[in-house]
Amino acid sequence: MKKIINYKKFSILFILILTIIPTNLLAEVNFFNEGKKLFDNKNFKKSKFKFEQDIVFNPKNENSYLYLAKIYLEEDNDDLQEINLNTVVLLNPKNEEAIYLLTLLNIKKSNFSKAEDLIINFADVCKKLCKSKKNLKEKLKNSLNK
């Protein structure tokens, strides 16, 4: 009798595990993809919520933090943009888009020494946005001349 009860408990637990785990894995992917679609359609409020949901399930998804930073750039919220960009760089120090955006933000905030350090770092990691390095140096130079 005890073996039958244990078998039933084990079977129920096994079935629950099989149904819960795949649902969570799919939710992680769906939240980010849904957020990206909403972001591409300029629906920033709903996309922000989806990226935040994705972070709950996958706190190491640098792309969700990057897109949140882009939303805060659109909303002109420098503090939250910086927090999310720093998180991206913490998770992936070679994320050139995050370094680029963080450099622009530091130039905007007149933090020129940090911007110079980021430009050097950007030069070391750039692959896709290397043409932007010249643009960053010009913006920094123009800001210093003001």
C-alpha atoms as a PDB file:
ATOM      1  CA  MET A   1       0.000   0.000   0.000  1.00  0.00           C
ATOM      2  CA  LYS A   2       2.801   2.413   0.894  1.00  0.00           C
ATOM      3  CA  LYS A   3       4.580   1.680  -2.394  1.00  0.00           C
ATOM      4  CA  ILE A   4       1.431   2.513  -4.349  1.00  0.00           C
ATOM      5  CA  ILE A   5       1.022   5.843  -2.515  1.00  0.00           C
ATOM      6  CA  ASN A   6       4.678   6.719  -3.032  1.00  0.00           C
ATOM      7  CA  TYR A   7       4.380   5.793  -6.697  1.00  0.00           C
ATOM      8  CA  LYS A   8       1.316   8.028  -7.071  1.00  0.00           C
ATOM      9  CA  LYS A   9       3.061  10.932  -5.325  1.00  0.00           C
ATOM     10  CA  PHE A  10       6.125  10.465  -7.476  1.00  0.00           C
ATOM     11  CA  SER A  11       4.013  10.313 -10.644  1.00  0.00           C
ATOM     12  CA  ILE A  12       2.124  13.487  -9.766  1.00  0.00           C
ATOM     13  CA  LEU A  13       5.343  15.315  -8.919  1.00  0.00           C
ATOM     14  CA  PHE A  14       6.971  14.126 -12.134  1.00  0.00           C
ATOM     15  CA  ILE A  15       4.020  15.311 -14.236  1.00  0.00           C
ATOM     16  CA  LEU A  16       4.031  18.705 -12.519  1.00  0.00           C
ATOM     17  CA  ILE A  17       7.737  19.139 -13.160  1.00  0.00           C
ATOM     18  CA  LEU A  18       7.317  18.219 -16.817  1.00  0.00           C
ATOM     19  CA  THR A  19       4.563  20.773 -17.282  1.00  0.00           C
ATOM     20  CA  ILE A  20       6.015  23.656 -15.269  1.00  0.00           C
ATOM     21  CA  ILE A  21       9.606  23.714 -16.523  1.00  0.00           C
ATOM     22  CA  PRO A  22       8.892  23.942 -20.266  1.00  0.00           C
ATOM     23  CA  THR A  23       6.268  26.629 -19.631  1.00  0.00           C
ATOM     24  CA  ASN A  24       8.823  28.766 -17.802  1.00  0.00           C
ATOM     25  CA  LEU A  25      11.429  28.255 -20.508  1.00  0.00           C
ATOM     26  CA  LEU A  26       8.968  29.262 -23.199  1.00  0.00           C
ATOM     27  CA  ALA A  27       7.857  32.266 -21.150  1.00  0.00           C
ATOM     28  CA  GLU A  28      11.442  33.549 -21.016  1.00  0.00           C
ATOM     29  CA  VAL A  29      11.738  33.529 -24.779  1.00  0.00           C
ATOM     30  CA  ASN A  30       8.240  34.840 -25.402  1.00  0.00           C
ATOM     31  CA  PHE A  31       8.543  37.816 -23.036  1.00  0.00           C
ATOM     32  CA  PHE A  32      11.668  39.073 -24.779  1.00  0.00           C
ATOM     33  CA  ASN A  33      10.327  38.453 -28.292  1.00  0.00           C
ATOM     34  CA  GLU A  34       7.008  40.102 -27.453  1.00  0.00           C
ATOM     35  CA  GLY A  35       8.846  43.051 -25.920  1.00  0.00           C
ATOM     36  CA  LYS A  36      11.023  43.434 -29.005  1.00  0.00           C
ATOM     37  CA  LYS A  37       7.993  43.415 -31.311  1.00  0.00           C
ATOM     38  CA  LEU A  38       6.289  46.050 -29.171  1.00  0.00           C
ATOM     39  CA  PHE A  39       9.497  48.103 -29.070  1.00  0.00           C
ATOM     40  CA  ASP A  40       9.832  47.957 -32.869  1.00  0.00           C
ATOM     41  CA  ASN A  41       6.253  49.258 -33.085  1.00  0.00           C
ATOM     42  CA  LYS A  42       7.174  52.136 -30.716  1.00  0.00           C
ATOM     43  CA  ASN A  43       4.859  50.826 -27.990  1.00  0.00           C
ATOM     44  CA  PHE A  44       7.358  51.560 -25.240  1.00  0.00           C
ATOM     45  CA  LYS A  45       5.073  51.231 -22.226  1.00  0.00           C
ATOM     46  CA  LYS A  46       4.001  47.661 -23.042  1.00  0.00           C
ATOM     47  CA  SER A  47       7.446  46.638 -24.261  1.00  0.00           C
ATOM     48  CA  LYS A  48       9.006  47.888 -21.014  1.00  0.00           C
ATOM     49  CA  PHE A  49       6.669  45.612 -19.076  1.00  0.00           C
ATOM     50  CA  LYS A  50       7.585  42.606 -21.263  1.00  0.00           C
ATOM     51  CA  PHE A  51      11.323  43.211 -20.850  1.00  0.00           C
ATOM     52  CA  GLU A  52      10.864  43.514 -17.086  1.00  0.00           C
ATOM     53  CA  GLN A  53       8.947  40.226 -17.090  1.00  0.00           C
ATOM     54  CA  ASP A  54      11.777  38.618 -19.047  1.00  0.00           C
ATOM     55  CA  ILE A  55      14.289  39.851 -16.477  1.00  0.00           C
ATOM     56  CA  VAL A  56      12.266  38.198 -13.704  1.00  0.00           C
ATOM     57  CA  PHE A  57      12.643  34.818 -15.425  1.00  0.00           C
ATOM     58  CA  ASN A  58      16.125  35.423 -16.823  1.00  0.00           C
ATOM     59  CA  PRO A  59      18.020  38.090 -14.865  1.00  0.00           C
ATOM     60  CA  LYS A  60      21.139  37.569 -16.998  1.00  0.00           C
ATOM     61  CA  ASN A  61      19.508  38.448 -20.312  1.00  0.00           C
ATOM     62  CA  GLU A  62      21.599  41.441 -21.323  1.00  0.00           C
ATOM     63  CA  ASN A  63      19.302  42.169 -24.260  1.00  0.00           C
ATOM     64  CA  SER A  64      16.323  42.946 -22.027  1.00  0.00           C
ATOM     65  CA  TYR A  65      18.413  45.446 -20.074  1.00  0.00           C
ATOM     66  CA  LEU A  66      19.690  46.945 -23.331  1.00  0.00           C
ATOM     67  CA  TYR A  67      16.177  47.442 -24.670  1.00  0.00           C
ATOM     68  CA  LEU A  68      15.063  48.939 -21.365  1.00  0.00           C
ATOM     69  CA  ALA A  69      17.951  51.396 -21.678  1.00  0.00           C
ATOM     70  CA  LYS A  70      16.791  52.274 -25.193  1.00  0.00           C
ATOM     71  CA  ILE A  71      13.277  52.880 -23.877  1.00  0.00           C
ATOM     72  CA  TYR A  72      14.638  55.166 -21.176  1.00  0.00           C
ATOM     73  CA  LEU A  73      16.662  56.963 -23.853  1.00  0.00           C
ATOM     74  CA  GLU A  74      13.409  57.624 -25.717  1.00  0.00           C
ATOM     75  CA  GLU A  75      11.768  58.763 -22.469  1.00  0.00           C
ATOM     76  CA  ASP A  76      14.796  60.973 -21.678  1.00  0.00           C
ATOM     77  CA  ASN A  77      15.323  59.267 -18.308  1.00  0.00           C
ATOM     78  CA  ASP A  78      19.114  59.381 -18.001  1.00  0.00           C
ATOM     79  CA  ASP A  79      19.348  57.766 -14.574  1.00  0.00           C
ATOM     80  CA  LEU A  80      17.419  54.610 -15.457  1.00  0.00           C
ATOM     81  CA  GLN A  81      19.123  54.449 -18.834  1.00  0.00           C
ATOM     82  CA  GLU A  82      22.519  54.512 -17.126  1.00  0.00           C
ATOM     83  CA  ILE A  83      21.534  51.832 -14.606  1.00  0.00           C
ATOM     84  CA  ASN A  84      20.415  49.475 -17.373  1.00  0.00           C
ATOM     85  CA  LEU A  85      23.450  50.178 -19.566  1.00  0.00           C
ATOM     86  CA  ASN A  86      25.786  49.531 -16.643  1.00  0.00           C
ATOM     87  CA  THR A  87      23.993  46.240 -16.051  1.00  0.00           C
ATOM     88  CA  VAL A  88      24.503  45.255 -19.696  1.00  0.00           C
ATOM     89  CA  VAL A  89      28.211  46.069 -19.486  1.00  0.00           C
ATOM     90  CA  LEU A  90      28.455  44.155 -16.228  1.00  0.00           C
ATOM     91  CA  LEU A  91      26.847  41.090 -17.820  1.00  0.00           C
ATOM     92  CA  ASN A  92      28.801  41.434 -21.065  1.00  0.00           C
ATOM     93  CA  PRO A  93      31.766  43.835 -21.031  1.00  0.00           C
ATOM     94  CA  LYS A  94      32.067  43.464 -24.823  1.00  0.00           C
ATOM     95  CA  ASN A  95      28.555  44.643 -25.706  1.00  0.00           C
ATOM     96  CA  GLU A  96      29.530  47.417 -28.072  1.00  0.00           C
ATOM     97  CA  GLU A  97      26.044  48.912 -28.411  1.00  0.00           C
ATOM     98  CA  ALA A  98      25.783  49.354 -24.645  1.00  0.00           C
ATOM     99  CA  ILE A  99      29.267  50.883 -24.491  1.00  0.00           C
ATOM    100  CA  TYR A 100      28.381  53.223 -27.347  1.00  0.00           C
ATOM    101  CA  LEU A 101      25.140  54.370 -25.670  1.00  0.00           C
ATOM    102  CA  LEU A 102      26.866  54.700 -22.310  1.00  0.00           C
ATOM    103  CA  THR A 103      29.568  56.863 -23.901  1.00  0.00           C
ATOM    104  CA  LEU A 104      26.946  59.149 -25.440  1.00  0.00           C
ATOM    105  CA  LEU A 105      25.201  59.389 -22.093  1.00  0.00           C
ATOM    106  CA  ASN A 106      28.432  60.314 -20.303  1.00  0.00           C
ATOM    107  CA  ILE A 107      29.172  62.999 -22.894  1.00  0.00           C
ATOM    108  CA  LYS A 108      25.651  64.358 -22.351  1.00  0.00           C
ATOM    109  CA  LYS A 109      26.240  64.363 -18.582  1.00  0.00           C
ATOM    110  CA  SER A 110      29.635  66.083 -19.057  1.00  0.00           C
ATOM    111  CA  ASN A 111      31.477  63.153 -17.536  1.00  0.00           C
ATOM    112  CA  PHE A 112      34.304  63.451 -20.047  1.00  0.00           C
ATOM    113  CA  SER A 113      36.908  61.313 -18.315  1.00  0.00           C
ATOM    114  CA  LYS A 114      34.477  58.392 -18.164  1.00  0.00           C
ATOM    115  CA  ALA A 115      33.546  58.994 -21.805  1.00  0.00           C
ATOM    116  CA  GLU A 116      37.216  58.875 -22.829  1.00  0.00           C
ATOM    117  CA  ASP A 117      37.677  55.573 -20.984  1.00  0.00           C
ATOM    118  CA  LEU A 118      34.598  54.159 -22.680  1.00  0.00           C
ATOM    119  CA  ILE A 119      35.827  55.268 -26.115  1.00  0.00           C
ATOM    120  CA  ILE A 120      39.086  53.396 -25.524  1.00  0.00           C
ATOM    121  CA  ASN A 121      37.114  50.337 -24.397  1.00  0.00           C
ATOM    122  CA  PHE A 122      34.784  50.724 -27.376  1.00  0.00           C
ATOM    123  CA  ALA A 123      37.749  50.697 -29.765  1.00  0.00           C
ATOM    124  CA  ASP A 124      38.915  47.411 -28.263  1.00  0.00           C
ATOM    125  CA  VAL A 125      35.576  45.600 -28.635  1.00  0.00           C
ATOM    126  CA  CYS A 126      33.929  47.127 -31.696  1.00  0.00           C
ATOM    127  CA  LYS A 127      33.006  44.873 -34.566  1.00  0.00           C
ATOM    128  CA  LYS A 128      29.768  46.254 -36.009  1.00  0.00           C
ATOM    129  CA  LEU A 129      29.796  49.861 -34.838  1.00  0.00           C
ATOM    130  CA  CYS A 130      33.461  50.724 -35.475  1.00  0.00           C
ATOM    131  CA  LYS A 131      32.486  53.595 -37.765  1.00  0.00           C
ATOM    132  CA  SER A 132      30.789  55.193 -34.771  1.00  0.00           C
ATOM    133  CA  LYS A 133      34.092  55.557 -32.914  1.00  0.00           C
ATOM    134  CA  LYS A 134      34.978  58.644 -34.964  1.00  0.00           C
ATOM    135  CA  ASN A 135      31.542  60.086 -34.212  1.00  0.00           C
ATOM    136  CA  LEU A 136      32.072  59.545 -30.468  1.00  0.00           C
ATOM    137  CA  LYS A 137      35.455  61.270 -30.548  1.00  0.00           C
ATOM    138  CA  GLU A 138      33.977  64.245 -32.422  1.00  0.00           C
ATOM    139  CA  LYS A 139      31.096  64.574 -29.953  1.00  0.00           C
ATOM    140  CA  LEU A 140      33.516  64.427 -27.044  1.00  0.00           C
ATOM    141  CA  LYS A 141      35.812  67.003 -28.676  1.00  0.00           C
ATOM    142  CA  ASN A 142      32.882  69.338 -29.411  1.00  0.00           C
ATOM    143  CA  SER A 143      31.632  69.015 -25.838  1.00  0.00           C
ATOM    144  CA  LEU A 144      35.078  69.834 -24.454  1.00  0.00           C
ATOM    145  CA  ASN A 145      35.313  72.945 -26.634  1.00  0.00           C
ATOM    146  CA  LYS A 146      32.050  74.416 -25.344  1.00  0.00           C
END
